[in-house]
Amino acid sequence: MPDKASSNLLQKIIDDNVKKYGGFSFKPHMSLYGGFETEDNSITKKIEQLSLQLNPFTAITTEVAMSTTFYQCVFVRIKTIPQVMNAHLKAKKTLGISDHHVYMPHISLVYGDLNLETKQKIIDEIKLSQVDLVFESIKLVGISKIKEDPSYSETLAEFGLKKI
């Protein structure tokens, strides 16, 4: 999770767009790996182990962009620096995931099924210069009910990253 000041800035952008374009609010976050299903009861322990492998790090925002997926409707890209990519790779290894999906670090700003013109309008309206995001903790978030309620998420555990 990004630091409080950065989270507040991103949360304002998220909430302003919910008011203008509908949808729902969510907490700003950068997924290290998401969308996997597991019944592994040791998942919380694995996330704790991951937190011990990672030092706090700073990620840098770049451009605001769009995609065709609901949860990446409008997002800000995160610069692919070694600390960010290393965190992703360690997450995959710790979780025992061996896929070859391309990882694109980002923080979503709008969830939804909006048309391309609306997405471009939102991008044009967002005035977000480069932001240094300090990450000092990692969360395990459950989304088991997300098919019934796209706004659903539940923090199952949170761990501070090990100190340098």
N, C-alpha and C. Protein backbone atom coordinates (compact mmCIF):
# COMPACT_ATOMS: atom_id res chain seq x y z
N MET A 1 0.84 -1.18 0.00
CA MET A 1 0.00 0.00 0.00
C MET A 1 0.89 1.24 0.00
N PRO A 2 0.52 2.25 -0.80
CA PRO A 2 1.34 3.46 -0.81
C PRO A 2 1.20 4.24 0.50
N ASP A 3 2.16 5.13 0.72
CA ASP A 3 2.17 5.95 1.92
C ASP A 3 0.90 6.81 2.00
N LYS A 4 0.63 7.35 3.20
CA LYS A 4 -0.63 8.05 3.47
C LYS A 4 -0.84 9.27 2.57
N ALA A 5 0.19 10.11 2.39
CA ALA A 5 0.03 11.31 1.57
C ALA A 5 -0.30 10.94 0.12
N SER A 6 0.41 9.97 -0.43
CA SER A 6 0.14 9.53 -1.80
C SER A 6 -1.23 8.87 -1.90
N SER A 7 -1.57 8.06 -0.91
CA SER A 7 -2.89 7.42 -0.90
C SER A 7 -4.00 8.45 -0.90
N ASN A 8 -3.84 9.50 -0.10
CA ASN A 8 -4.87 10.55 -0.03
C ASN A 8 -5.03 11.24 -1.38
N LEU A 9 -3.92 11.54 -2.05
CA LEU A 9 -3.96 12.17 -3.37
C LEU A 9 -4.68 11.28 -4.37
N LEU A 10 -4.31 10.01 -4.42
CA LEU A 10 -4.93 9.08 -5.35
C LEU A 10 -6.39 8.81 -5.00
N GLN A 11 -6.70 8.74 -3.70
CA GLN A 11 -8.09 8.52 -3.27
C GLN A 11 -8.99 9.66 -3.72
N LYS A 12 -8.48 10.88 -3.68
CA LYS A 12 -9.26 12.05 -4.15
C LYS A 12 -9.56 11.92 -5.64
N ILE A 13 -8.58 11.50 -6.43
CA ILE A 13 -8.80 11.31 -7.86
C ILE A 13 -9.85 10.23 -8.09
N ILE A 14 -9.73 9.12 -7.37
CA ILE A 14 -10.69 8.01 -7.49
C ILE A 14 -12.09 8.50 -7.14
N ASP A 15 -12.23 9.15 -5.98
CA ASP A 15 -13.55 9.59 -5.51
C ASP A 15 -14.15 10.67 -6.40
N ASP A 16 -13.33 11.60 -6.90
CA ASP A 16 -13.83 12.64 -7.81
C ASP A 16 -14.42 12.01 -9.08
N ASN A 17 -13.77 10.97 -9.58
CA ASN A 17 -14.26 10.33 -10.79
C ASN A 17 -15.50 9.48 -10.54
N VAL A 18 -15.62 8.92 -9.34
CA VAL A 18 -16.84 8.21 -8.98
C VAL A 18 -18.02 9.19 -9.00
N LYS A 19 -17.81 10.37 -8.45
CA LYS A 19 -18.88 11.38 -8.43
C LYS A 19 -19.28 11.81 -9.84
N LYS A 20 -18.29 11.96 -10.73
CA LYS A 20 -18.56 12.43 -12.09
C LYS A 20 -19.11 11.35 -13.00
N TYR A 21 -18.59 10.13 -12.88
CA TYR A 21 -18.87 9.10 -13.89
C TYR A 21 -19.54 7.84 -13.33
N GLY A 22 -19.81 7.84 -12.01
CA GLY A 22 -20.44 6.67 -11.41
C GLY A 22 -19.42 5.62 -11.04
N GLY A 23 -19.92 4.46 -10.69
CA GLY A 23 -19.03 3.38 -10.25
C GLY A 23 -18.92 3.37 -8.74
N PHE A 24 -17.81 2.90 -8.25
CA PHE A 24 -17.64 2.79 -6.81
C PHE A 24 -16.22 3.15 -6.43
N SER A 25 -16.08 3.53 -5.18
CA SER A 25 -14.77 3.91 -4.65
C SER A 25 -14.02 2.66 -4.20
N PHE A 26 -12.71 2.75 -4.23
CA PHE A 26 -11.84 1.67 -3.77
C PHE A 26 -10.55 2.29 -3.28
N LYS A 27 -9.80 1.53 -2.52
CA LYS A 27 -8.53 2.01 -1.98
C LYS A 27 -7.44 1.93 -3.04
N PRO A 28 -6.64 2.98 -3.18
CA PRO A 28 -5.54 2.91 -4.15
C PRO A 28 -4.52 1.86 -3.72
N HIS A 29 -4.08 1.07 -4.69
CA HIS A 29 -3.14 -0.01 -4.39
C HIS A 29 -2.41 -0.43 -5.67
N MET A 30 -1.28 -1.05 -5.50
CA MET A 30 -0.54 -1.64 -6.61
C MET A 30 -0.47 -3.14 -6.35
N SER A 31 -1.09 -3.91 -7.19
CA SER A 31 -1.07 -5.36 -7.02
C SER A 31 0.29 -5.91 -7.44
N LEU A 32 0.87 -6.75 -6.59
CA LEU A 32 2.08 -7.47 -6.97
C LEU A 32 1.72 -8.71 -7.76
N TYR A 33 0.59 -9.29 -7.42
CA TYR A 33 0.02 -10.39 -8.17
C TYR A 33 -1.44 -10.49 -7.77
N GLY A 34 -2.30 -10.68 -8.72
CA GLY A 34 -3.72 -10.71 -8.37
C GLY A 34 -4.49 -11.68 -9.24
N GLY A 35 -5.70 -11.92 -8.81
CA GLY A 35 -6.61 -12.71 -9.59
C GLY A 35 -6.41 -14.21 -9.54
N PHE A 36 -5.69 -14.69 -8.55
CA PHE A 36 -5.51 -16.15 -8.46
C PHE A 36 -6.44 -16.70 -7.39
N GLU A 37 -6.84 -17.93 -7.59
CA GLU A 37 -7.72 -18.60 -6.63
C GLU A 37 -6.91 -19.62 -5.85
N THR A 38 -7.21 -19.70 -4.57
CA THR A 38 -6.51 -20.68 -3.74
C THR A 38 -7.39 -21.09 -2.57
N GLU A 39 -7.22 -22.30 -2.16
CA GLU A 39 -7.83 -22.77 -0.92
C GLU A 39 -6.74 -23.09 0.08
N ASP A 40 -5.55 -22.59 -0.20
CA ASP A 40 -4.37 -22.82 0.63
C ASP A 40 -4.51 -22.03 1.92
N ASN A 41 -4.65 -22.71 3.03
CA ASN A 41 -4.80 -22.05 4.32
C ASN A 41 -3.52 -21.36 4.79
N SER A 42 -2.40 -21.67 4.14
CA SER A 42 -1.14 -21.06 4.54
C SER A 42 -0.84 -19.78 3.78
N ILE A 43 -1.83 -19.28 3.02
CA ILE A 43 -1.60 -18.09 2.20
C ILE A 43 -1.18 -16.88 3.06
N THR A 44 -1.78 -16.71 4.21
CA THR A 44 -1.41 -15.59 5.09
C THR A 44 0.04 -15.72 5.53
N LYS A 45 0.46 -16.91 5.87
CA LYS A 45 1.85 -17.15 6.26
C LYS A 45 2.80 -16.85 5.10
N LYS A 46 2.39 -17.19 3.88
CA LYS A 46 3.22 -16.92 2.71
C LYS A 46 3.36 -15.41 2.48
N ILE A 47 2.30 -14.67 2.70
CA ILE A 47 2.37 -13.21 2.54
C ILE A 47 3.28 -12.62 3.62
N GLU A 48 3.19 -13.16 4.82
CA GLU A 48 4.10 -12.71 5.88
C GLU A 48 5.55 -13.00 5.49
N GLN A 49 5.81 -14.19 4.95
CA GLN A 49 7.17 -14.52 4.50
C GLN A 49 7.63 -13.56 3.41
N LEU A 50 6.73 -13.22 2.50
CA LEU A 50 7.05 -12.26 1.44
C LEU A 50 7.44 -10.92 2.03
N SER A 51 6.70 -10.48 3.04
CA SER A 51 6.99 -9.17 3.66
C SER A 51 8.39 -9.13 4.26
N LEU A 52 8.90 -10.28 4.69
CA LEU A 52 10.24 -10.35 5.27
C LEU A 52 11.33 -10.34 4.20
N GLN A 53 10.95 -10.59 2.97
CA GLN A 53 11.90 -10.60 1.85
C GLN A 53 12.02 -9.24 1.17
N LEU A 54 11.09 -8.35 1.47
CA LEU A 54 11.05 -7.07 0.76
C LEU A 54 11.41 -5.91 1.68
N ASN A 55 12.24 -5.04 1.18
CA ASN A 55 12.51 -3.78 1.87
C ASN A 55 11.47 -2.76 1.44
N PRO A 56 11.18 -1.77 2.27
CA PRO A 56 10.34 -0.66 1.80
C PRO A 56 10.96 -0.09 0.52
N PHE A 57 10.13 0.35 -0.41
CA PHE A 57 10.65 0.88 -1.66
C PHE A 57 9.79 2.03 -2.15
N THR A 58 10.36 2.81 -3.05
CA THR A 58 9.65 3.93 -3.66
C THR A 58 9.38 3.59 -5.11
N ALA A 59 8.13 3.71 -5.50
CA ALA A 59 7.73 3.52 -6.89
C ALA A 59 7.35 4.90 -7.45
N ILE A 60 7.48 5.06 -8.75
CA ILE A 60 7.29 6.36 -9.38
C ILE A 60 6.18 6.25 -10.41
N THR A 61 5.20 7.15 -10.33
CA THR A 61 4.13 7.17 -11.33
C THR A 61 4.67 7.77 -12.62
N THR A 62 4.09 7.33 -13.73
CA THR A 62 4.45 7.90 -15.02
C THR A 62 3.20 8.48 -15.67
N GLU A 63 2.64 7.81 -16.66
CA GLU A 63 1.51 8.38 -17.39
C GLU A 63 0.18 7.78 -16.95
N VAL A 64 -0.89 8.53 -17.18
CA VAL A 64 -2.24 8.02 -16.97
C VAL A 64 -2.67 7.41 -18.30
N ALA A 65 -3.25 6.20 -18.22
CA ALA A 65 -3.61 5.46 -19.43
C ALA A 65 -4.94 4.74 -19.22
N MET A 66 -5.36 4.00 -20.24
CA MET A 66 -6.62 3.24 -20.19
C MET A 66 -6.40 1.85 -20.77
N SER A 67 -7.35 0.96 -20.46
CA SER A 67 -7.36 -0.35 -21.10
C SER A 67 -8.81 -0.74 -21.35
N THR A 68 -9.00 -1.95 -21.81
CA THR A 68 -10.35 -2.43 -22.10
C THR A 68 -10.92 -3.31 -21.00
N THR A 69 -10.21 -3.40 -19.86
CA THR A 69 -10.69 -4.25 -18.77
C THR A 69 -11.36 -3.41 -17.69
N PHE A 70 -12.30 -4.00 -17.00
CA PHE A 70 -13.08 -3.33 -15.95
C PHE A 70 -12.18 -2.74 -14.87
N TYR A 71 -11.24 -3.55 -14.36
CA TYR A 71 -10.44 -3.13 -13.22
C TYR A 71 -9.20 -2.32 -13.61
N GLN A 72 -8.98 -2.13 -14.90
CA GLN A 72 -7.91 -1.24 -15.38
C GLN A 72 -8.51 -0.24 -16.36
N CYS A 73 -9.70 0.20 -16.08
CA CYS A 73 -10.41 1.12 -16.95
C CYS A 73 -9.54 2.35 -17.22
N VAL A 74 -9.16 3.06 -16.16
CA VAL A 74 -8.21 4.18 -16.22
C VAL A 74 -7.23 3.97 -15.07
N PHE A 75 -5.96 4.10 -15.35
CA PHE A 75 -4.94 3.82 -14.34
C PHE A 75 -3.72 4.70 -14.58
N VAL A 76 -2.86 4.76 -13.57
CA VAL A 76 -1.57 5.42 -13.72
C VAL A 76 -0.50 4.33 -13.73
N ARG A 77 0.36 4.41 -14.73
CA ARG A 77 1.45 3.44 -14.83
C ARG A 77 2.50 3.71 -13.75
N ILE A 78 3.16 2.65 -13.33
CA ILE A 78 4.26 2.74 -12.39
C ILE A 78 5.54 2.39 -13.15
N LYS A 79 6.55 3.21 -12.99
CA LYS A 79 7.82 2.97 -13.68
C LYS A 79 8.36 1.59 -13.31
N THR A 80 8.80 0.85 -14.31
CA THR A 80 9.29 -0.51 -14.08
C THR A 80 10.75 -0.48 -13.62
N ILE A 81 10.91 -0.14 -12.36
CA ILE A 81 12.24 -0.10 -11.76
C ILE A 81 12.51 -1.45 -11.08
N PRO A 82 13.78 -1.77 -10.83
CA PRO A 82 14.10 -3.08 -10.26
C PRO A 82 13.35 -3.41 -8.97
N GLN A 83 13.15 -2.45 -8.07
CA GLN A 83 12.49 -2.75 -6.80
C GLN A 83 11.05 -3.22 -7.02
N VAL A 84 10.35 -2.62 -7.96
CA VAL A 84 8.96 -2.99 -8.25
C VAL A 84 8.91 -4.38 -8.90
N MET A 85 9.74 -4.58 -9.90
CA MET A 85 9.73 -5.86 -10.61
C MET A 85 10.21 -6.99 -9.71
N ASN A 86 11.18 -6.71 -8.85
CA ASN A 86 11.67 -7.70 -7.89
C ASN A 86 10.56 -8.10 -6.91
N ALA A 87 9.78 -7.12 -6.45
CA ALA A 87 8.68 -7.42 -5.53
C ALA A 87 7.67 -8.35 -6.21
N HIS A 88 7.37 -8.10 -7.47
CA HIS A 88 6.45 -8.95 -8.22
C HIS A 88 7.01 -10.38 -8.35
N LEU A 89 8.27 -10.48 -8.74
CA LEU A 89 8.88 -11.81 -8.92
C LEU A 89 8.95 -12.58 -7.61
N LYS A 90 9.27 -11.90 -6.52
CA LYS A 90 9.30 -12.57 -5.21
C LYS A 90 7.90 -13.00 -4.79
N ALA A 91 6.89 -12.20 -5.12
CA ALA A 91 5.50 -12.58 -4.81
C ALA A 91 5.14 -13.86 -5.55
N LYS A 92 5.44 -13.91 -6.84
CA LYS A 92 5.15 -15.12 -7.62
C LYS A 92 5.86 -16.33 -7.04
N LYS A 93 7.13 -16.18 -6.71
CA LYS A 93 7.90 -17.30 -6.19
C LYS A 93 7.35 -17.77 -4.85
N THR A 94 7.08 -16.82 -3.95
CA THR A 94 6.58 -17.16 -2.63
C THR A 94 5.21 -17.83 -2.70
N LEU A 95 4.39 -17.40 -3.65
CA LEU A 95 3.05 -17.97 -3.80
C LEU A 95 3.06 -19.25 -4.64
N GLY A 96 4.21 -19.60 -5.20
CA GLY A 96 4.31 -20.82 -6.00
C GLY A 96 3.64 -20.69 -7.35
N ILE A 97 3.66 -19.51 -7.93
CA ILE A 97 3.02 -19.26 -9.23
C ILE A 97 4.09 -19.25 -10.31
N SER A 98 3.85 -19.99 -11.37
CA SER A 98 4.87 -20.09 -12.42
C SER A 98 4.34 -19.69 -13.79
N ASP A 99 3.37 -18.79 -13.84
CA ASP A 99 2.85 -18.37 -15.15
C ASP A 99 3.84 -17.42 -15.83
N HIS A 100 3.53 -17.08 -17.05
CA HIS A 100 4.40 -16.19 -17.82
C HIS A 100 3.64 -14.94 -18.27
N HIS A 101 2.67 -14.51 -17.48
CA HIS A 101 1.93 -13.30 -17.81
C HIS A 101 2.85 -12.09 -17.69
N VAL A 102 2.63 -11.12 -18.54
CA VAL A 102 3.40 -9.87 -18.49
C VAL A 102 2.87 -9.04 -17.32
N TYR A 103 3.77 -8.58 -16.48
CA TYR A 103 3.39 -7.74 -15.34
C TYR A 103 3.53 -6.27 -15.73
N MET A 104 2.44 -5.54 -15.59
CA MET A 104 2.44 -4.11 -15.87
C MET A 104 2.08 -3.38 -14.57
N PRO A 105 3.08 -2.89 -13.86
CA PRO A 105 2.77 -2.21 -12.60
C PRO A 105 1.94 -0.95 -12.85
N HIS A 106 0.89 -0.81 -12.07
CA HIS A 106 -0.02 0.33 -12.22
C HIS A 106 -0.85 0.48 -10.95
N ILE A 107 -1.51 1.61 -10.86
CA ILE A 107 -2.52 1.83 -9.82
C ILE A 107 -3.78 2.29 -10.54
N SER A 108 -4.84 1.52 -10.40
CA SER A 108 -6.11 1.88 -11.04
C SER A 108 -6.67 3.13 -10.40
N LEU A 109 -7.29 3.95 -11.24
CA LEU A 109 -7.93 5.19 -10.78
C LEU A 109 -9.43 5.16 -11.02
N VAL A 110 -9.88 4.35 -11.98
CA VAL A 110 -11.31 4.20 -12.29
C VAL A 110 -11.55 2.74 -12.64
N TYR A 111 -12.56 2.14 -12.02
CA TYR A 111 -13.05 0.84 -12.41
C TYR A 111 -14.32 1.07 -13.22
N GLY A 112 -14.54 0.29 -14.25
CA GLY A 112 -15.80 0.42 -14.97
C GLY A 112 -15.72 -0.05 -16.40
N ASP A 113 -16.89 -0.05 -17.03
CA ASP A 113 -17.03 -0.38 -18.45
C ASP A 113 -17.45 0.90 -19.17
N LEU A 114 -16.53 1.81 -19.32
CA LEU A 114 -16.81 3.10 -19.96
C LEU A 114 -16.37 3.06 -21.41
N ASN A 115 -16.99 3.90 -22.24
CA ASN A 115 -16.56 3.94 -23.64
C ASN A 115 -15.22 4.65 -23.74
N LEU A 116 -14.55 4.47 -24.86
CA LEU A 116 -13.20 5.00 -25.04
C LEU A 116 -13.15 6.53 -24.95
N GLU A 117 -14.18 7.19 -25.45
CA GLU A 117 -14.21 8.65 -25.40
C GLU A 117 -14.28 9.15 -23.96
N THR A 118 -15.08 8.50 -23.15
CA THR A 118 -15.18 8.88 -21.73
C THR A 118 -13.86 8.61 -21.02
N LYS A 119 -13.24 7.49 -21.31
CA LYS A 119 -11.94 7.19 -20.69
C LYS A 119 -10.92 8.26 -21.06
N GLN A 120 -10.91 8.67 -22.34
CA GLN A 120 -9.95 9.69 -22.76
C GLN A 120 -10.26 11.02 -22.09
N LYS A 121 -11.52 11.34 -21.91
CA LYS A 121 -11.90 12.58 -21.22
C LYS A 121 -11.39 12.56 -19.78
N ILE A 122 -11.55 11.42 -19.11
CA ILE A 122 -11.05 11.29 -17.73
C ILE A 122 -9.53 11.47 -17.71
N ILE A 123 -8.84 10.82 -18.63
CA ILE A 123 -7.37 10.95 -18.69
C ILE A 123 -6.98 12.41 -18.88
N ASP A 124 -7.67 13.10 -19.78
CA ASP A 124 -7.36 14.51 -20.04
C ASP A 124 -7.62 15.39 -18.81
N GLU A 125 -8.60 15.00 -17.98
CA GLU A 125 -8.95 15.79 -16.79
C GLU A 125 -8.01 15.54 -15.61
N ILE A 126 -7.40 14.38 -15.56
CA ILE A 126 -6.53 14.05 -14.42
C ILE A 126 -5.21 14.78 -14.56
N LYS A 127 -4.93 15.60 -13.61
CA LYS A 127 -3.66 16.33 -13.58
C LYS A 127 -2.78 15.68 -12.52
N LEU A 128 -1.99 14.74 -12.95
CA LEU A 128 -1.16 13.99 -12.01
C LEU A 128 0.28 14.02 -12.50
N SER A 129 1.09 14.82 -11.84
CA SER A 129 2.51 14.85 -12.19
C SER A 129 3.17 13.63 -11.56
N GLN A 130 4.45 13.49 -11.79
CA GLN A 130 5.17 12.36 -11.21
C GLN A 130 5.02 12.36 -9.70
N VAL A 131 4.63 11.22 -9.16
CA VAL A 131 4.47 11.07 -7.72
C VAL A 131 5.36 9.93 -7.26
N ASP A 132 6.12 10.17 -6.20
CA ASP A 132 6.91 9.11 -5.59
C ASP A 132 6.05 8.44 -4.52
N LEU A 133 5.77 7.17 -4.70
CA LEU A 133 4.93 6.42 -3.78
C LEU A 133 5.82 5.54 -2.91
N VAL A 134 5.74 5.71 -1.62
CA VAL A 134 6.54 4.91 -0.70
C VAL A 134 5.70 3.73 -0.23
N PHE A 135 6.21 2.53 -0.45
CA PHE A 135 5.51 1.32 -0.04
C PHE A 135 6.23 0.73 1.17
N GLU A 136 5.50 0.62 2.28
CA GLU A 136 6.09 0.11 3.52
C GLU A 136 5.35 -1.10 4.07
N SER A 137 4.27 -1.51 3.38
CA SER A 137 3.52 -2.68 3.85
C SER A 137 2.94 -3.42 2.66
N ILE A 138 2.51 -4.63 2.94
CA ILE A 138 1.88 -5.47 1.93
C ILE A 138 0.60 -6.02 2.54
N LYS A 139 -0.46 -6.08 1.71
CA LYS A 139 -1.75 -6.60 2.18
C LYS A 139 -2.15 -7.80 1.36
N LEU A 140 -2.82 -8.71 2.03
CA LEU A 140 -3.50 -9.82 1.37
C LEU A 140 -4.97 -9.43 1.35
N VAL A 141 -5.52 -9.34 0.14
CA VAL A 141 -6.90 -8.90 0.00
C VAL A 141 -7.71 -10.02 -0.63
N GLY A 142 -8.81 -10.37 0.00
CA GLY A 142 -9.71 -11.39 -0.52
C GLY A 142 -10.80 -10.75 -1.34
N ILE A 143 -11.10 -11.37 -2.48
CA ILE A 143 -12.16 -10.85 -3.35
C ILE A 143 -13.16 -11.95 -3.69
N SER A 144 -13.41 -12.82 -2.75
CA SER A 144 -14.23 -14.01 -3.00
C SER A 144 -15.64 -13.70 -3.47
N LYS A 145 -16.16 -12.55 -3.12
CA LYS A 145 -17.54 -12.20 -3.50
C LYS A 145 -17.59 -11.19 -4.63
N ILE A 146 -16.48 -11.01 -5.34
CA ILE A 146 -16.39 -9.94 -6.32
C ILE A 146 -17.33 -10.13 -7.51
N LYS A 147 -17.68 -11.38 -7.82
CA LYS A 147 -18.61 -11.61 -8.94
C LYS A 147 -19.99 -11.06 -8.63
N GLU A 148 -20.40 -11.14 -7.36
CA GLU A 148 -21.70 -10.59 -6.97
C GLU A 148 -21.64 -9.08 -6.73
N ASP A 149 -20.49 -8.60 -6.27
CA ASP A 149 -20.34 -7.19 -5.92
C ASP A 149 -18.94 -6.74 -6.32
N PRO A 150 -18.80 -6.05 -7.49
CA PRO A 150 -17.47 -5.65 -7.97
C PRO A 150 -16.70 -4.73 -7.01
N SER A 151 -17.39 -4.12 -6.06
CA SER A 151 -16.70 -3.24 -5.12
C SER A 151 -16.17 -4.00 -3.90
N TYR A 152 -16.47 -5.31 -3.84
CA TYR A 152 -16.11 -6.09 -2.66
C TYR A 152 -14.61 -6.36 -2.58
N SER A 153 -14.04 -6.09 -1.45
CA SER A 153 -12.69 -6.56 -1.12
C SER A 153 -12.59 -6.57 0.39
N GLU A 154 -11.78 -7.47 0.88
CA GLU A 154 -11.64 -7.63 2.32
C GLU A 154 -10.16 -7.82 2.64
N THR A 155 -9.63 -6.95 3.49
CA THR A 155 -8.24 -7.11 3.90
C THR A 155 -8.17 -8.27 4.87
N LEU A 156 -7.43 -9.30 4.45
CA LEU A 156 -7.30 -10.50 5.28
C LEU A 156 -6.08 -10.43 6.18
N ALA A 157 -5.05 -9.70 5.74
CA ALA A 157 -3.83 -9.56 6.54
C ALA A 157 -3.01 -8.40 5.99
N GLU A 158 -2.24 -7.78 6.86
CA GLU A 158 -1.32 -6.73 6.44
C GLU A 158 -0.03 -6.89 7.24
N PHE A 159 1.09 -6.76 6.52
CA PHE A 159 2.42 -6.90 7.15
C PHE A 159 3.31 -5.76 6.70
N GLY A 160 4.08 -5.21 7.63
CA GLY A 160 5.08 -4.21 7.28
C GLY A 160 6.23 -4.90 6.54
N LEU A 161 6.81 -4.17 5.59
CA LEU A 161 7.98 -4.70 4.91
C LEU A 161 9.18 -4.60 5.86
N LYS A 162 10.10 -5.54 5.71
CA LYS A 162 11.24 -5.56 6.63
C LYS A 162 12.03 -4.26 6.51
N LYS A 163 12.60 -3.83 7.57
CA LYS A 163 13.36 -2.59 7.57
C LYS A 163 14.77 -2.84 7.07
N ILE A 164 15.31 -1.88 6.39
CA ILE A 164 16.67 -1.97 5.84
C ILE A 164 17.70 -1.99 6.96
